[in-house]
């Protein structure tokens, strides 16, 4: 399991080493990354296998953000003159989260 592959300092060296390990073996791995066009195209062993979980996480992210915003308002950490702004805050944060 490798999480946050997109945060690698030398992504292509890491992928080359991983592909070398995987080629001709029974090694299975799971990589997580934000969408990366370079990983999707090409002849890479990794390019043919992907699952976009972002679409399945949007409701969870929204619920989490709603709870956090409500909690911060209740604790008076977040002070809003107009409580209707909380839904706008949640929407903007959800979009900027990009599934993360």
PDB file of N, CA and C in Angstrom:
ATOM      1  N   UNK A   1       0.840  -1.165   0.000  1.00  0.00           N
ATOM      2  CA  UNK A   1       0.000   0.000   0.000  1.00  0.00           C
ATOM      3  C   UNK A   1       0.889   1.233   0.000  1.00  0.00           C
ATOM      4  N   UNK A   2       0.702   2.097  -0.966  1.00  0.00           N
ATOM      5  CA  UNK A   2       1.431   3.368  -1.042  1.00  0.00           C
ATOM      6  C   UNK A   2       0.392   4.479  -1.123  1.00  0.00           C
ATOM      7  N   UNK A   3       0.390   5.347  -0.137  1.00  0.00           N
ATOM      8  CA  UNK A   3      -0.574   6.440  -0.083  1.00  0.00           C
ATOM      9  C   UNK A   3       0.099   7.736  -0.531  1.00  0.00           C
ATOM     10  N   UNK A   4      -0.678   8.602  -1.176  1.00  0.00           N
ATOM     11  CA  UNK A   4      -0.234   9.943  -1.589  1.00  0.00           C
ATOM     12  C   UNK A   4       0.937   9.889  -2.559  1.00  0.00           C
ATOM     13  N   UNK A   5       0.827   9.052  -3.547  1.00  0.00           N
ATOM     14  CA  UNK A   5       1.878   8.905  -4.554  1.00  0.00           C
ATOM     15  C   UNK A   5       2.219  10.240  -5.211  1.00  0.00           C
ATOM     16  N   UNK A   6       1.228  11.103  -5.375  1.00  0.00           N
ATOM     17  CA  UNK A   6       1.444  12.403  -6.006  1.00  0.00           C
ATOM     18  C   UNK A   6       2.367  13.308  -5.191  1.00  0.00           C
ATOM     19  N   UNK A   7       2.614  12.960  -3.939  1.00  0.00           N
ATOM     20  CA  UNK A   7       3.492  13.765  -3.104  1.00  0.00           C
ATOM     21  C   UNK A   7       4.936  13.280  -3.119  1.00  0.00           C
ATOM     22  N   UNK A   8       5.220  12.297  -3.949  1.00  0.00           N
ATOM     23  CA  UNK A   8       6.572  11.750  -4.056  1.00  0.00           C
ATOM     24  C   UNK A   8       7.539  12.802  -4.605  1.00  0.00           C
ATOM     25  N   UNK A   9       8.754  12.836  -4.055  1.00  0.00           N
ATOM     26  CA  UNK A   9       9.773  13.768  -4.550  1.00  0.00           C
ATOM     27  C   UNK A   9      10.295  13.361  -5.914  1.00  0.00           C
ATOM     28  N   UNK A  10      10.354  12.067  -6.173  1.00  0.00           N
ATOM     29  CA  UNK A  10      10.848  11.577  -7.465  1.00  0.00           C
ATOM     30  C   UNK A  10       9.911  10.489  -7.951  1.00  0.00           C
ATOM     31  N   UNK A  11       8.742  10.912  -8.405  1.00  0.00           N
ATOM     32  CA  UNK A  11       7.666  10.004  -8.794  1.00  0.00           C
ATOM     33  C   UNK A  11       8.111   8.986  -9.834  1.00  0.00           C
ATOM     34  N   UNK A  12       8.794   9.437 -10.861  1.00  0.00           N
ATOM     35  CA  UNK A  12       9.128   8.539 -11.963  1.00  0.00           C
ATOM     36  C   UNK A  12      10.189   7.512 -11.578  1.00  0.00           C
ATOM     37  N   UNK A  13      11.120   7.880 -10.730  1.00  0.00           N
ATOM     38  CA  UNK A  13      12.100   6.909 -10.236  1.00  0.00           C
ATOM     39  C   UNK A  13      11.406   5.870  -9.364  1.00  0.00           C
ATOM     40  N   UNK A  14      10.481   6.332  -8.525  1.00  0.00           N
ATOM     41  CA  UNK A  14       9.735   5.409  -7.672  1.00  0.00           C
ATOM     42  C   UNK A  14       8.924   4.435  -8.521  1.00  0.00           C
ATOM     43  N   UNK A  15       8.209   4.957  -9.526  1.00  0.00           N
ATOM     44  CA  UNK A  15       7.390   4.102 -10.384  1.00  0.00           C
ATOM     45  C   UNK A  15       8.236   3.113 -11.175  1.00  0.00           C
ATOM     46  N   UNK A  16       9.386   3.556 -11.648  1.00  0.00           N
ATOM     47  CA  UNK A  16      10.277   2.649 -12.393  1.00  0.00           C
ATOM     48  C   UNK A  16      10.715   1.494 -11.497  1.00  0.00           C
ATOM     49  N   UNK A  17      11.079   1.792 -10.263  1.00  0.00           N
ATOM     50  CA  UNK A  17      11.474   0.749  -9.326  1.00  0.00           C
ATOM     51  C   UNK A  17      10.332  -0.183  -8.992  1.00  0.00           C
ATOM     52  N   UNK A  18       9.153   0.382  -8.806  1.00  0.00           N
ATOM     53  CA  UNK A  18       7.970  -0.426  -8.499  1.00  0.00           C
ATOM     54  C   UNK A  18       7.611  -1.335  -9.667  1.00  0.00           C
ATOM     55  N   UNK A  19       7.640  -0.793 -10.871  1.00  0.00           N
ATOM     56  CA  UNK A  19       7.340  -1.610 -12.052  1.00  0.00           C
ATOM     57  C   UNK A  19       8.359  -2.721 -12.220  1.00  0.00           C
ATOM     58  N   UNK A  20       9.610  -2.432 -11.919  1.00  0.00           N
ATOM     59  CA  UNK A  20      10.659  -3.449 -11.991  1.00  0.00           C
ATOM     60  C   UNK A  20      10.372  -4.591 -11.011  1.00  0.00           C
ATOM     61  N   UNK A  21       9.912  -4.245  -9.818  1.00  0.00           N
ATOM     62  CA  UNK A  21       9.557  -5.262  -8.823  1.00  0.00           C
ATOM     63  C   UNK A  21       8.345  -6.083  -9.252  1.00  0.00           C
ATOM     64  N   UNK A  22       7.380  -5.415  -9.856  1.00  0.00           N
ATOM     65  CA  UNK A  22       6.117  -6.065 -10.198  1.00  0.00           C
ATOM     66  C   UNK A  22       6.220  -6.947 -11.441  1.00  0.00           C
ATOM     67  N   UNK A  23       7.047  -6.566 -12.377  1.00  0.00           N
ATOM     68  CA  UNK A  23       7.126  -7.275 -13.653  1.00  0.00           C
ATOM     69  C   UNK A  23       7.538  -8.729 -13.445  1.00  0.00           C
ATOM     70  N   UNK A  24       6.697  -9.624 -13.925  1.00  0.00           N
ATOM     71  CA  UNK A  24       6.979 -11.050 -13.838  1.00  0.00           C
ATOM     72  C   UNK A  24       6.820 -11.630 -12.445  1.00  0.00           C
ATOM     73  N   UNK A  25       6.168 -10.915 -11.544  1.00  0.00           N
ATOM     74  CA  UNK A  25       6.008 -11.427 -10.182  1.00  0.00           C
ATOM     75  C   UNK A  25       4.530 -11.441  -9.818  1.00  0.00           C
ATOM     76  N   UNK A  26       4.256 -11.953  -8.650  1.00  0.00           N
ATOM     77  CA  UNK A  26       2.888 -11.979  -8.139  1.00  0.00           C
ATOM     78  C   UNK A  26       2.630 -10.848  -7.149  1.00  0.00           C
ATOM     79  N   UNK A  27       3.479  -9.842  -7.146  1.00  0.00           N
ATOM     80  CA  UNK A  27       3.329  -8.732  -6.217  1.00  0.00           C
ATOM     81  C   UNK A  27       2.086  -7.930  -6.579  1.00  0.00           C
ATOM     82  N   UNK A  28       1.285  -7.655  -5.585  1.00  0.00           N
ATOM     83  CA  UNK A  28       0.092  -6.823  -5.748  1.00  0.00           C
ATOM     84  C   UNK A  28       0.304  -5.557  -4.935  1.00  0.00           C
ATOM     85  N   UNK A  29      -0.144  -4.452  -5.447  1.00  0.00           N
ATOM     86  CA  UNK A  29      -0.010  -3.215  -4.685  1.00  0.00           C
ATOM     87  C   UNK A  29      -1.220  -2.335  -4.912  1.00  0.00           C
ATOM     88  N   UNK A  30      -1.413  -1.438  -3.985  1.00  0.00           N
ATOM     89  CA  UNK A  30      -2.490  -0.455  -4.074  1.00  0.00           C
ATOM     90  C   UNK A  30      -1.851   0.916  -3.899  1.00  0.00           C
ATOM     91  N   UNK A  31      -2.055   1.782  -4.866  1.00  0.00           N
ATOM     92  CA  UNK A  31      -1.490   3.120  -4.831  1.00  0.00           C
ATOM     93  C   UNK A  31      -2.622   4.131  -4.756  1.00  0.00           C
ATOM     94  N   UNK A  32      -2.455   5.148  -3.949  1.00  0.00           N
ATOM     95  CA  UNK A  32      -3.440   6.227  -3.933  1.00  0.00           C
ATOM     96  C   UNK A  32      -2.749   7.505  -4.361  1.00  0.00           C
ATOM     97  N   UNK A  33      -3.453   8.281  -5.160  1.00  0.00           N
ATOM     98  CA  UNK A  33      -2.924   9.542  -5.642  1.00  0.00           C
ATOM     99  C   UNK A  33      -4.062  10.415  -6.120  1.00  0.00           C
ATOM    100  N   UNK A  34      -3.807  11.691  -6.172  1.00  0.00           N
ATOM    101  CA  UNK A  34      -4.749  12.555  -6.853  1.00  0.00           C
ATOM    102  C   UNK A  34      -4.596  12.275  -8.341  1.00  0.00           C
ATOM    103  N   UNK A  35      -5.568  12.706  -9.119  1.00  0.00           N
ATOM    104  CA  UNK A  35      -5.526  12.449 -10.556  1.00  0.00           C
ATOM    105  C   UNK A  35      -4.225  12.983 -11.152  1.00  0.00           C
ATOM    106  N   UNK A  36      -3.547  12.132 -11.898  1.00  0.00           N
ATOM    107  CA  UNK A  36      -2.282  12.503 -12.528  1.00  0.00           C
ATOM    108  C   UNK A  36      -2.305  11.974 -13.951  1.00  0.00           C
ATOM    109  N   UNK A  37      -2.354  12.876 -14.919  1.00  0.00           N
ATOM    110  CA  UNK A  37      -2.455  12.498 -16.330  1.00  0.00           C
ATOM    111  C   UNK A  37      -1.292  11.613 -16.751  1.00  0.00           C
ATOM    112  N   UNK A  38      -0.107  11.872 -16.243  1.00  0.00           N
ATOM    113  CA  UNK A  38       1.071  11.093 -16.622  1.00  0.00           C
ATOM    114  C   UNK A  38       0.943   9.631 -16.209  1.00  0.00           C
ATOM    115  N   UNK A  39       0.249   9.361 -15.122  1.00  0.00           N
ATOM    116  CA  UNK A  39       0.063   7.977 -14.684  1.00  0.00           C
ATOM    117  C   UNK A  39      -0.985   7.262 -15.517  1.00  0.00           C
ATOM    118  N   UNK A  40      -1.928   8.013 -16.054  1.00  0.00           N
ATOM    119  CA  UNK A  40      -3.041   7.419 -16.790  1.00  0.00           C
ATOM    120  C   UNK A  40      -2.641   7.034 -18.204  1.00  0.00           C
ATOM    121  N   UNK A  41      -1.776   7.821 -18.831  1.00  0.00           N
ATOM    122  CA  UNK A  41      -1.398   7.527 -20.211  1.00  0.00           C
ATOM    123  C   UNK A  41      -0.083   6.761 -20.256  1.00  0.00           C
ATOM    124  N   UNK A  42       0.221   6.213 -21.399  1.00  0.00           N
ATOM    125  CA  UNK A  42       1.509   5.553 -21.578  1.00  0.00           C
ATOM    126  C   UNK A  42       1.423   4.049 -21.466  1.00  0.00           C
ATOM    127  N   UNK A  43       2.592   3.425 -21.507  1.00  0.00           N
ATOM    128  CA  UNK A  43       2.702   1.967 -21.503  1.00  0.00           C
ATOM    129  C   UNK A  43       2.975   1.392 -20.124  1.00  0.00           C
ATOM    130  N   UNK A  44       2.852   2.196 -19.122  1.00  0.00           N
ATOM    131  CA  UNK A  44       3.144   1.778 -17.761  1.00  0.00           C
ATOM    132  C   UNK A  44       2.277   0.592 -17.346  1.00  0.00           C
ATOM    133  N   UNK A  45       2.849  -0.305 -16.570  1.00  0.00           N
ATOM    134  CA  UNK A  45       2.074  -1.409 -15.998  1.00  0.00           C
ATOM    135  C   UNK A  45       0.947  -0.878 -15.124  1.00  0.00           C
ATOM    136  N   UNK A  46       1.133   0.304 -14.601  1.00  0.00           N
ATOM    137  CA  UNK A  46       0.170   0.888 -13.686  1.00  0.00           C
ATOM    138  C   UNK A  46      -0.936   1.654 -14.401  1.00  0.00           C
ATOM    139  N   UNK A  47      -0.754   1.950 -15.665  1.00  0.00           N
ATOM    140  CA  UNK A  47      -1.690   2.845 -16.351  1.00  0.00           C
ATOM    141  C   UNK A  47      -3.067   2.230 -16.577  1.00  0.00           C
ATOM    142  N   UNK A  48      -3.187   0.919 -16.635  1.00  0.00           N
ATOM    143  CA  UNK A  48      -4.466   0.297 -16.949  1.00  0.00           C
ATOM    144  C   UNK A  48      -5.380   0.041 -15.771  1.00  0.00           C
ATOM    145  N   UNK A  49      -4.914   0.290 -14.594  1.00  0.00           N
ATOM    146  CA  UNK A  49      -5.693  -0.027 -13.406  1.00  0.00           C
ATOM    147  C   UNK A  49      -5.965   1.234 -12.608  1.00  0.00           C
ATOM    148  N   UNK A  50      -7.227   1.625 -12.563  1.00  0.00           N
ATOM    149  CA  UNK A  50      -7.554   2.791 -11.751  1.00  0.00           C
ATOM    150  C   UNK A  50      -9.009   2.731 -11.304  1.00  0.00           C
ATOM    151  N   UNK A  51      -9.241   3.343 -10.191  1.00  0.00           N
ATOM    152  CA  UNK A  51     -10.577   3.435  -9.621  1.00  0.00           C
ATOM    153  C   UNK A  51     -10.724   4.844  -9.072  1.00  0.00           C
ATOM    154  N   UNK A  52     -11.674   5.568  -9.589  1.00  0.00           N
ATOM    155  CA  UNK A  52     -11.901   6.941  -9.122  1.00  0.00           C
ATOM    156  C   UNK A  52     -12.854   6.897  -7.937  1.00  0.00           C
ATOM    157  N   UNK A  53     -12.313   7.045  -6.760  1.00  0.00           N
ATOM    158  CA  UNK A  53     -13.145   6.974  -5.559  1.00  0.00           C
ATOM    159  C   UNK A  53     -13.714   8.326  -5.176  1.00  0.00           C
ATOM    160  N   UNK A  54     -13.246   9.370  -5.823  1.00  0.00           N
ATOM    161  CA  UNK A  54     -13.698  10.710  -5.489  1.00  0.00           C
ATOM    162  C   UNK A  54     -15.215  10.826  -5.568  1.00  0.00           C
ATOM    163  N   UNK A  55     -15.821  10.234  -6.575  1.00  0.00           N
ATOM    164  CA  UNK A  55     -17.264  10.327  -6.734  1.00  0.00           C
ATOM    165  C   UNK A  55     -18.010   9.635  -5.599  1.00  0.00           C
ATOM    166  N   UNK A  56     -17.378   8.643  -4.999  1.00  0.00           N
ATOM    167  CA  UNK A  56     -18.011   7.893  -3.915  1.00  0.00           C
ATOM    168  C   UNK A  56     -17.773   8.549  -2.553  1.00  0.00           C
ATOM    169  N   UNK A  57     -16.907   9.544  -2.511  1.00  0.00           N
ATOM    170  CA  UNK A  57     -16.545  10.165  -1.245  1.00  0.00           C
ATOM    171  C   UNK A  57     -17.197  11.525  -1.024  1.00  0.00           C
ATOM    172  N   UNK A  58     -17.815  12.071  -2.042  1.00  0.00           N
ATOM    173  CA  UNK A  58     -18.352  13.435  -1.938  1.00  0.00           C
ATOM    174  C   UNK A  58     -19.343  13.587  -0.777  1.00  0.00           C
ATOM    175  N   UNK A  59     -20.244  12.619  -0.608  1.00  0.00           N
ATOM    176  CA  UNK A  59     -21.215  12.715   0.489  1.00  0.00           C
ATOM    177  C   UNK A  59     -20.527  12.638   1.844  1.00  0.00           C
ATOM    178  N   UNK A  60     -19.519  11.765   1.967  1.00  0.00           N
ATOM    179  CA  UNK A  60     -18.783  11.653   3.227  1.00  0.00           C
ATOM    180  C   UNK A  60     -18.042  12.944   3.543  1.00  0.00           C
ATOM    181  N   UNK A  61     -17.433  13.527   2.530  1.00  0.00           N
ATOM    182  CA  UNK A  61     -16.708  14.782   2.721  1.00  0.00           C
ATOM    183  C   UNK A  61     -17.676  15.880   3.142  1.00  0.00           C
ATOM    184  N   UNK A  62     -18.820  15.952   2.473  1.00  0.00           N
ATOM    185  CA  UNK A  62     -19.826  16.968   2.810  1.00  0.00           C
ATOM    186  C   UNK A  62     -20.292  16.811   4.260  1.00  0.00           C
ATOM    187  N   UNK A  63     -20.601  15.567   4.673  1.00  0.00           N
ATOM    188  CA  UNK A  63     -21.052  15.320   6.050  1.00  0.00           C
ATOM    189  C   UNK A  63     -19.983  15.717   7.067  1.00  0.00           C
ATOM    190  N   UNK A  64     -18.744  15.373   6.770  1.00  0.00           N
ATOM    191  CA  UNK A  64     -17.641  15.730   7.666  1.00  0.00           C
ATOM    192  C   UNK A  64     -17.524  17.250   7.782  1.00  0.00           C
ATOM    193  N   UNK A  65     -17.544  17.936   6.640  1.00  0.00           N
ATOM    194  CA  UNK A  65     -17.402  19.390   6.646  1.00  0.00           C
ATOM    195  C   UNK A  65     -18.563  20.067   7.367  1.00  0.00           C
ATOM    196  N   UNK A  66     -19.775  19.588   7.131  1.00  0.00           N
ATOM    197  CA  UNK A  66     -20.933  20.160   7.828  1.00  0.00           C
ATOM    198  C   UNK A  66     -20.764  20.035   9.339  1.00  0.00           C
ATOM    199  N   UNK A  67     -20.343  18.865   9.784  1.00  0.00           N
ATOM    200  CA  UNK A  67     -20.125  18.646  11.214  1.00  0.00           C
ATOM    201  C   UNK A  67     -19.039  19.544  11.776  1.00  0.00           C
ATOM    202  N   UNK A  68     -17.942  19.693  11.038  1.00  0.00           N
ATOM    203  CA  UNK A  68     -16.845  20.549  11.492  1.00  0.00           C
ATOM    204  C   UNK A  68     -17.273  22.014  11.568  1.00  0.00           C
ATOM    205  N   UNK A  69     -17.957  22.487  10.528  1.00  0.00           N
ATOM    206  CA  UNK A  69     -18.399  23.885  10.530  1.00  0.00           C
ATOM    207  C   UNK A  69     -19.379  24.127  11.674  1.00  0.00           C
ATOM    208  N   UNK A  70     -20.343  23.230  11.856  1.00  0.00           N
ATOM    209  CA  UNK A  70     -21.311  23.375  12.949  1.00  0.00           C
ATOM    210  C   UNK A  70     -20.624  23.360  14.309  1.00  0.00           C
ATOM    211  N   UNK A  71     -19.652  22.467  14.462  1.00  0.00           N
ATOM    212  CA  UNK A  71     -18.926  22.365  15.721  1.00  0.00           C
ATOM    213  C   UNK A  71     -18.144  23.648  16.002  1.00  0.00           C
ATOM    214  N   UNK A  72     -17.517  24.193  14.989  1.00  0.00           N
ATOM    215  CA  UNK A  72     -16.729  25.413  15.175  1.00  0.00           C
ATOM    216  C   UNK A  72     -17.619  26.620  15.462  1.00  0.00           C
ATOM    217  N   UNK A  73     -18.810  26.625  14.872  1.00  0.00           N
ATOM    218  CA  UNK A  73     -19.759  27.698  15.175  1.00  0.00           C
ATOM    219  C   UNK A  73     -20.232  27.559  16.624  1.00  0.00           C
ATOM    220  N   UNK A  74     -20.555  26.344  17.039  1.00  0.00           N
ATOM    221  CA  UNK A  74     -21.029  26.103  18.407  1.00  0.00           C
ATOM    222  C   UNK A  74     -19.958  26.468  19.440  1.00  0.00           C
ATOM    223  N   UNK A  75     -18.697  26.192  19.127  1.00  0.00           N
ATOM    224  CA  UNK A  75     -17.598  26.509  20.054  1.00  0.00           C
ATOM    225  C   UNK A  75     -17.136  27.958  19.916  1.00  0.00           C
ATOM    226  N   UNK A  76     -17.761  28.672  19.015  1.00  0.00           N
ATOM    227  CA  UNK A  76     -17.447  30.065  18.742  1.00  0.00           C
ATOM    228  C   UNK A  76     -16.039  30.268  18.218  1.00  0.00           C
ATOM    229  N   UNK A  77     -15.497  29.219  17.605  1.00  0.00           N
ATOM    230  CA  UNK A  77     -14.208  29.331  16.924  1.00  0.00           C
ATOM    231  C   UNK A  77     -14.418  29.994  15.564  1.00  0.00           C
ATOM    232  N   UNK A  78     -15.561  29.705  14.969  1.00  0.00           N
ATOM    233  CA  UNK A  78     -15.966  30.314  13.703  1.00  0.00           C
ATOM    234  C   UNK A  78     -17.179  31.189  13.994  1.00  0.00           C
ATOM    235  N   UNK A  79     -17.026  32.462  13.729  1.00  0.00           N
ATOM    236  CA  UNK A  79     -18.108  33.409  14.023  1.00  0.00           C
ATOM    237  C   UNK A  79     -18.622  33.970  12.703  1.00  0.00           C
ATOM    238  N   UNK A  80     -19.900  33.733  12.442  1.00  0.00           N
ATOM    239  CA  UNK A  80     -20.519  34.195  11.209  1.00  0.00           C
ATOM    240  C   UNK A  80     -21.611  35.195  11.524  1.00  0.00           C
ATOM    241  N   UNK A  81     -21.653  36.286  10.794  1.00  0.00           N
ATOM    242  CA  UNK A  81     -22.742  37.247  10.959  1.00  0.00           C
ATOM    243  C   UNK A  81     -24.028  36.693  10.363  1.00  0.00           C
ATOM    244  N   UNK A  82     -23.862  35.897   9.299  1.00  0.00           N
ATOM    245  CA  UNK A  82     -25.019  35.289   8.623  1.00  0.00           C
ATOM    246  C   UNK A  82     -24.815  33.768   8.648  1.00  0.00           C
ATOM    247  N   UNK A  83     -25.638  33.054   9.402  1.00  0.00           N
ATOM    248  CA  UNK A  83     -25.492  31.598   9.528  1.00  0.00           C
ATOM    249  C   UNK A  83     -25.711  30.870   8.204  1.00  0.00           C
ATOM    250  N   UNK A  84     -26.350  31.526   7.244  1.00  0.00           N
ATOM    251  CA  UNK A  84     -26.524  30.914   5.922  1.00  0.00           C
ATOM    252  C   UNK A  84     -25.193  30.756   5.200  1.00  0.00           C
ATOM    253  N   UNK A  85     -24.174  31.466   5.648  1.00  0.00           N
ATOM    254  CA  UNK A  85     -22.845  31.336   5.041  1.00  0.00           C
ATOM    255  C   UNK A  85     -22.237  29.956   5.275  1.00  0.00           C
ATOM    256  N   UNK A  86     -22.697  29.263   6.299  1.00  0.00           N
ATOM    257  CA  UNK A  86     -22.106  27.956   6.614  1.00  0.00           C
ATOM    258  C   UNK A  86     -22.251  26.980   5.446  1.00  0.00           C
ATOM    259  N   UNK A  87     -23.393  27.006   4.761  1.00  0.00           N
ATOM    260  CA  UNK A  87     -23.558  26.101   3.610  1.00  0.00           C
ATOM    261  C   UNK A  87     -22.638  26.494   2.470  1.00  0.00           C
ATOM    262  N   UNK A  88     -22.399  27.788   2.289  1.00  0.00           N
ATOM    263  CA  UNK A  88     -21.463  28.241   1.253  1.00  0.00           C
ATOM    264  C   UNK A  88     -20.038  27.819   1.594  1.00  0.00           C
ATOM    265  N   UNK A  89     -19.682  27.918   2.857  1.00  0.00           N
ATOM    266  CA  UNK A  89     -18.345  27.500   3.303  1.00  0.00           C
ATOM    267  C   UNK A  89     -18.150  26.017   3.031  1.00  0.00           C
ATOM    268  N   UNK A  90     -19.151  25.219   3.385  1.00  0.00           N
ATOM    269  CA  UNK A  90     -19.075  23.767   3.162  1.00  0.00           C
ATOM    270  C   UNK A  90     -18.907  23.469   1.678  1.00  0.00           C
ATOM    271  N   UNK A  91     -19.671  24.115   0.830  1.00  0.00           N
ATOM    272  CA  UNK A  91     -19.591  23.862  -0.612  1.00  0.00           C
ATOM    273  C   UNK A  91     -18.230  24.215  -1.186  1.00  0.00           C
ATOM    274  N   UNK A  92     -17.697  25.358  -0.796  1.00  0.00           N
ATOM    275  CA  UNK A  92     -16.389  25.777  -1.310  1.00  0.00           C
ATOM    276  C   UNK A  92     -15.303  24.817  -0.821  1.00  0.00           C
ATOM    277  N   UNK A  93     -15.335  24.472   0.459  1.00  0.00           N
ATOM    278  CA  UNK A  93     -14.328  23.527   0.983  1.00  0.00           C
ATOM    279  C   UNK A  93     -14.434  22.163   0.314  1.00  0.00           C
ATOM    280  N   UNK A  94     -15.667  21.714   0.065  1.00  0.00           N
ATOM    281  CA  UNK A  94     -15.865  20.410  -0.571  1.00  0.00           C
ATOM    282  C   UNK A  94     -15.264  20.402  -1.974  1.00  0.00           C
ATOM    283  N   UNK A  95     -15.490  21.454  -2.729  1.00  0.00           N
ATOM    284  CA  UNK A  95     -14.942  21.532  -4.088  1.00  0.00           C
ATOM    285  C   UNK A  95     -13.420  21.626  -4.068  1.00  0.00           C
ATOM    286  N   UNK A  96     -12.884  22.412  -3.147  1.00  0.00           N
ATOM    287  CA  UNK A  96     -11.435  22.576  -3.065  1.00  0.00           C
ATOM    288  C   UNK A  96     -10.745  21.303  -2.546  1.00  0.00           C
ATOM    289  N   UNK A  97     -11.476  20.497  -1.799  1.00  0.00           N
ATOM    290  CA  UNK A  97     -10.900  19.251  -1.268  1.00  0.00           C
ATOM    291  C   UNK A  97     -10.559  18.277  -2.386  1.00  0.00           C
ATOM    292  N   UNK A  98     -11.254  18.376  -3.501  1.00  0.00           N
ATOM    293  CA  UNK A  98     -10.975  17.520  -4.660  1.00  0.00           C
ATOM    294  C   UNK A  98     -10.940  16.055  -4.272  1.00  0.00           C
ATOM    295  N   UNK A  99     -11.850  15.642  -3.389  1.00  0.00           N
ATOM    296  CA  UNK A  99     -11.940  14.235  -3.012  1.00  0.00           C
ATOM    297  C   UNK A  99     -10.983  13.800  -1.915  1.00  0.00           C
ATOM    298  N   UNK A 100     -10.179  14.715  -1.389  1.00  0.00           N
ATOM    299  CA  UNK A 100      -9.208  14.329  -0.377  1.00  0.00           C
ATOM    300  C   UNK A 100      -9.721  14.606   1.008  1.00  0.00           C
TER     301      UNK A 100
END
